Amino acid sequence: MRSVVFPMFRSDFTPIRLVDILQRVPENDWKWVLLDFDGAGLMPRRMTFHQLEEELVHREGGVELSWLELKDFSEGLWEEIDMRIVAVDWGARVEFDTFLDSGFYVAIEARDSGEWEAWEGALEGFVGSLEMDFCK
């Protein structure tokens, strides 16, 4: 498993958004599990921020999204502060603290409005594409 850490802002101070990272992921039918989120924008499934927060706190295993739901969500965000999202097979279970043990395809984490970390599990080349584009 490989990972890469890179800043949330380019050298010209423009942000690197989740939507930019997802452009390096091919269309897929994976289950995307949102395990943590703090930020601003349009929440998935027309939820309010408070509803999403409640689901993340009270629902075991995070909020499950399809690829299209995740893409819509990412396109509606204008700020990512903290986030953890993991792509797995639909039958897989993901836990917040052990997400790297979940047999995942991709995992993405935003940390404190400062940096991203991305891991490649079964999607070879993902981390390399991020290194080429965002670690200059």
C-alpha atoms as a PDB file:
ATOM      1  CA  MET A   1       0.000   0.000   0.000  1.00  0.00           C
ATOM      2  CA  ARG A   2       1.379   3.378  -1.032  1.00  0.00           C
ATOM      3  CA  SER A   3       0.381   6.804   0.177  1.00  0.00           C
ATOM      4  CA  VAL A   4       1.203  10.400  -0.597  1.00  0.00           C
ATOM      5  CA  VAL A   5       0.817  13.542   1.493  1.00  0.00           C
ATOM      6  CA  PHE A   6       0.450  16.890  -0.259  1.00  0.00           C
ATOM      7  CA  PRO A   7      -0.710  20.391   0.686  1.00  0.00           C
ATOM      8  CA  MET A   8      -4.300  21.497   0.192  1.00  0.00           C
ATOM      9  CA  PHE A   9      -3.079  24.579  -1.675  1.00  0.00           C
ATOM     10  CA  ARG A  10      -0.927  24.921  -4.765  1.00  0.00           C
ATOM     11  CA  SER A  11       2.021  27.328  -4.877  1.00  0.00           C
ATOM     12  CA  ASP A  12      -0.298  29.994  -6.365  1.00  0.00           C
ATOM     13  CA  PHE A  13      -2.596  29.546  -3.295  1.00  0.00           C
ATOM     14  CA  THR A  14      -5.465  27.969  -5.254  1.00  0.00           C
ATOM     15  CA  PRO A  15      -7.036  25.066  -3.351  1.00  0.00           C
ATOM     16  CA  ILE A  16      -6.746  21.418  -4.290  1.00  0.00           C
ATOM     17  CA  ARG A  17     -10.275  20.124  -3.842  1.00  0.00           C
ATOM     18  CA  LEU A  18     -11.688  16.634  -3.507  1.00  0.00           C
ATOM     19  CA  VAL A  19     -13.088  17.011  -7.021  1.00  0.00           C
ATOM     20  CA  ASP A  20      -9.509  17.480  -8.311  1.00  0.00           C
ATOM     21  CA  ILE A  21      -8.351  14.302  -6.593  1.00  0.00           C
ATOM     22  CA  LEU A  22     -11.309  12.267  -7.861  1.00  0.00           C
ATOM     23  CA  GLN A  23     -10.408  13.144 -11.450  1.00  0.00           C
ATOM     24  CA  ARG A  24      -7.580  10.585 -11.043  1.00  0.00           C
ATOM     25  CA  VAL A  25     -10.064   7.809 -10.228  1.00  0.00           C
ATOM     26  CA  PRO A  26     -11.790   5.942 -13.065  1.00  0.00           C
ATOM     27  CA  GLU A  27     -15.567   5.534 -13.101  1.00  0.00           C
ATOM     28  CA  ASN A  28     -16.409   2.683 -10.800  1.00  0.00           C
ATOM     29  CA  ASP A  29     -19.128   0.802  -8.979  1.00  0.00           C
ATOM     30  CA  TRP A  30     -17.416   0.785  -5.583  1.00  0.00           C
ATOM     31  CA  LYS A  31     -19.028   1.695  -2.306  1.00  0.00           C
ATOM     32  CA  TRP A  32     -17.563   4.977  -1.082  1.00  0.00           C
ATOM     33  CA  VAL A  33     -17.798   5.305   2.681  1.00  0.00           C
ATOM     34  CA  LEU A  34     -17.632   8.781   4.158  1.00  0.00           C
ATOM     35  CA  LEU A  35     -16.274   8.279   7.672  1.00  0.00           C
ATOM     36  CA  ASP A  36     -15.649  11.907   8.643  1.00  0.00           C
ATOM     37  CA  PHE A  37     -16.451  15.329   7.206  1.00  0.00           C
ATOM     38  CA  ASP A  38     -16.083  18.941   8.196  1.00  0.00           C
ATOM     39  CA  GLY A  39     -16.306  21.562   5.506  1.00  0.00           C
ATOM     40  CA  ALA A  40     -18.673  23.730   3.527  1.00  0.00           C
ATOM     41  CA  GLY A  41     -20.824  23.160   0.480  1.00  0.00           C
ATOM     42  CA  LEU A  42     -23.758  21.048  -0.593  1.00  0.00           C
ATOM     43  CA  MET A  43     -24.061  17.880   1.439  1.00  0.00           C
ATOM     44  CA  PRO A  44     -24.867  14.500  -0.157  1.00  0.00           C
ATOM     45  CA  ARG A  45     -28.490  13.506  -0.748  1.00  0.00           C
ATOM     46  CA  ARG A  46     -29.728  17.029   0.019  1.00  0.00           C
ATOM     47  CA  MET A  47     -28.856  16.564   3.685  1.00  0.00           C
ATOM     48  CA  THR A  48     -28.100  19.544   5.847  1.00  0.00           C
ATOM     49  CA  PHE A  49     -24.661  19.723   7.414  1.00  0.00           C
ATOM     50  CA  HIS A  50     -26.281  18.886  10.761  1.00  0.00           C
ATOM     51  CA  GLN A  51     -28.020  15.796   9.315  1.00  0.00           C
ATOM     52  CA  LEU A  52     -24.746  14.569   7.805  1.00  0.00           C
ATOM     53  CA  GLU A  53     -22.970  15.139  11.102  1.00  0.00           C
ATOM     54  CA  GLU A  54     -25.673  13.163  12.933  1.00  0.00           C
ATOM     55  CA  GLU A  55     -25.360  10.266  10.481  1.00  0.00           C
ATOM     56  CA  LEU A  56     -21.580  10.217  10.853  1.00  0.00           C
ATOM     57  CA  VAL A  57     -21.798  10.231  14.643  1.00  0.00           C
ATOM     58  CA  HIS A  58     -24.664   7.784  15.147  1.00  0.00           C
ATOM     59  CA  ARG A  59     -24.404   5.423  12.214  1.00  0.00           C
ATOM     60  CA  GLU A  60     -21.803   2.684  12.441  1.00  0.00           C
ATOM     61  CA  GLY A  61     -19.748   2.268   9.308  1.00  0.00           C
ATOM     62  CA  GLY A  62     -20.116   5.817   7.951  1.00  0.00           C
ATOM     63  CA  VAL A  63     -22.306   7.171   5.182  1.00  0.00           C
ATOM     64  CA  GLU A  64     -22.325   5.016   2.046  1.00  0.00           C
ATOM     65  CA  LEU A  65     -22.228   6.768  -1.333  1.00  0.00           C
ATOM     66  CA  SER A  66     -22.180   5.566  -4.915  1.00  0.00           C
ATOM     67  CA  TRP A  67     -19.609   6.953  -7.333  1.00  0.00           C
ATOM     68  CA  LEU A  68     -22.164   9.369  -8.810  1.00  0.00           C
ATOM     69  CA  GLU A  69     -23.244  10.553  -5.356  1.00  0.00           C
ATOM     70  CA  LEU A  70     -19.605  11.107  -4.397  1.00  0.00           C
ATOM     71  CA  LYS A  71     -18.874  13.040  -7.589  1.00  0.00           C
ATOM     72  CA  ASP A  72     -21.941  15.254  -7.047  1.00  0.00           C
ATOM     73  CA  PHE A  73     -20.907  15.814  -3.445  1.00  0.00           C
ATOM     74  CA  SER A  74     -17.336  16.746  -4.425  1.00  0.00           C
ATOM     75  CA  GLU A  75     -18.542  19.169  -7.103  1.00  0.00           C
ATOM     76  CA  GLY A  76     -20.751  20.948  -4.559  1.00  0.00           C
ATOM     77  CA  LEU A  77     -17.998  21.491  -1.981  1.00  0.00           C
ATOM     78  CA  TRP A  78     -16.191  24.776  -1.653  1.00  0.00           C
ATOM     79  CA  GLU A  79     -14.147  23.930   1.429  1.00  0.00           C
ATOM     80  CA  GLU A  80     -12.817  20.674   2.844  1.00  0.00           C
ATOM     81  CA  ILE A  81     -11.457  20.991   6.374  1.00  0.00           C
ATOM     82  CA  ASP A  82     -11.392  17.386   7.613  1.00  0.00           C
ATOM     83  CA  MET A  83     -12.543  14.346   5.687  1.00  0.00           C
ATOM     84  CA  ARG A  84     -11.982  10.618   5.531  1.00  0.00           C
ATOM     85  CA  ILE A  85     -13.452   8.606   2.674  1.00  0.00           C
ATOM     86  CA  VAL A  86     -12.709   5.043   1.581  1.00  0.00           C
ATOM     87  CA  ALA A  87     -13.668   3.076  -1.539  1.00  0.00           C
ATOM     88  CA  VAL A  88     -14.422  -0.610  -0.998  1.00  0.00           C
ATOM     89  CA  ASP A  89     -16.546  -3.388  -2.442  1.00  0.00           C
ATOM     90  CA  TRP A  90     -20.247  -3.132  -1.589  1.00  0.00           C
ATOM     91  CA  GLY A  91     -20.123  -6.066   0.807  1.00  0.00           C
ATOM     92  CA  ALA A  92     -17.137  -4.734   2.753  1.00  0.00           C
ATOM     93  CA  ARG A  93     -17.355  -3.081   6.146  1.00  0.00           C
ATOM     94  CA  VAL A  94     -15.210  -0.065   7.024  1.00  0.00           C
ATOM     95  CA  GLU A  95     -14.385   1.267  10.485  1.00  0.00           C
ATOM     96  CA  PHE A  96     -13.022   4.740  11.224  1.00  0.00           C
ATOM     97  CA  ASP A  97      -9.874   3.633  13.068  1.00  0.00           C
ATOM     98  CA  THR A  98      -9.067   0.586  10.940  1.00  0.00           C
ATOM     99  CA  PHE A  99      -9.967   1.835   7.455  1.00  0.00           C
ATOM    100  CA  LEU A 100      -6.519   0.913   6.112  1.00  0.00           C
ATOM    101  CA  ASP A 101      -7.245  -2.743   6.945  1.00  0.00           C
ATOM    102  CA  SER A 102     -10.456  -2.833   4.888  1.00  0.00           C
ATOM    103  CA  GLY A 103      -9.201  -4.190   1.545  1.00  0.00           C
ATOM    104  CA  PHE A 104      -9.895  -0.805  -0.035  1.00  0.00           C
ATOM    105  CA  TYR A 105      -9.332   0.555  -3.530  1.00  0.00           C
ATOM    106  CA  VAL A 106      -8.642   4.164  -2.545  1.00  0.00           C
ATOM    107  CA  ALA A 107      -8.650   6.123   0.719  1.00  0.00           C
ATOM    108  CA  ILE A 108      -8.533   9.919   0.937  1.00  0.00           C
ATOM    109  CA  GLU A 109      -8.127  12.095   3.994  1.00  0.00           C
ATOM    110  CA  ALA A 110      -8.170  15.881   4.434  1.00  0.00           C
ATOM    111  CA  ARG A 111      -6.462  17.156   7.556  1.00  0.00           C
ATOM    112  CA  ASP A 112      -7.162  20.449   9.288  1.00  0.00           C
ATOM    113  CA  SER A 113      -7.389  22.518   6.064  1.00  0.00           C
ATOM    114  CA  GLY A 114      -3.684  21.938   5.576  1.00  0.00           C
ATOM    115  CA  GLU A 115      -2.936  18.699   3.792  1.00  0.00           C
ATOM    116  CA  TRP A 116      -4.339  15.723   1.969  1.00  0.00           C
ATOM    117  CA  GLU A 117      -3.210  12.150   2.310  1.00  0.00           C
ATOM    118  CA  ALA A 118      -4.244   9.554  -0.218  1.00  0.00           C
ATOM    119  CA  TRP A 119      -3.629   5.816  -0.190  1.00  0.00           C
ATOM    120  CA  GLU A 120      -3.823   3.387  -3.062  1.00  0.00           C
ATOM    121  CA  GLY A 121      -5.006  -0.060  -2.268  1.00  0.00           C
ATOM    122  CA  ALA A 122      -6.212  -1.988  -5.303  1.00  0.00           C
ATOM    123  CA  LEU A 123      -6.089   1.015  -7.682  1.00  0.00           C
ATOM    124  CA  GLU A 124      -2.531   0.997  -8.982  1.00  0.00           C
ATOM    125  CA  GLY A 125      -1.138   4.283 -10.249  1.00  0.00           C
ATOM    126  CA  PHE A 126      -3.479   6.500  -8.217  1.00  0.00           C
ATOM    127  CA  VAL A 127      -0.811   7.765  -5.808  1.00  0.00           C
ATOM    128  CA  GLY A 128       1.670   8.254  -8.654  1.00  0.00           C
ATOM    129  CA  SER A 129      -0.788  10.440 -10.555  1.00  0.00           C
ATOM    130  CA  LEU A 130      -1.328  12.586  -7.458  1.00  0.00           C
ATOM    131  CA  GLU A 131       2.429  12.900  -6.899  1.00  0.00           C
ATOM    132  CA  MET A 132       2.920  14.073 -10.484  1.00  0.00           C
ATOM    133  CA  ASP A 133       0.150  16.681 -10.298  1.00  0.00           C
ATOM    134  CA  PHE A 134       0.237  17.969  -6.723  1.00  0.00           C
ATOM    135  CA  CYS A 135       3.731  17.361  -5.306  1.00  0.00           C
ATOM    136  CA  LYS A 136       5.691  19.798  -7.425  1.00  0.00           C
END
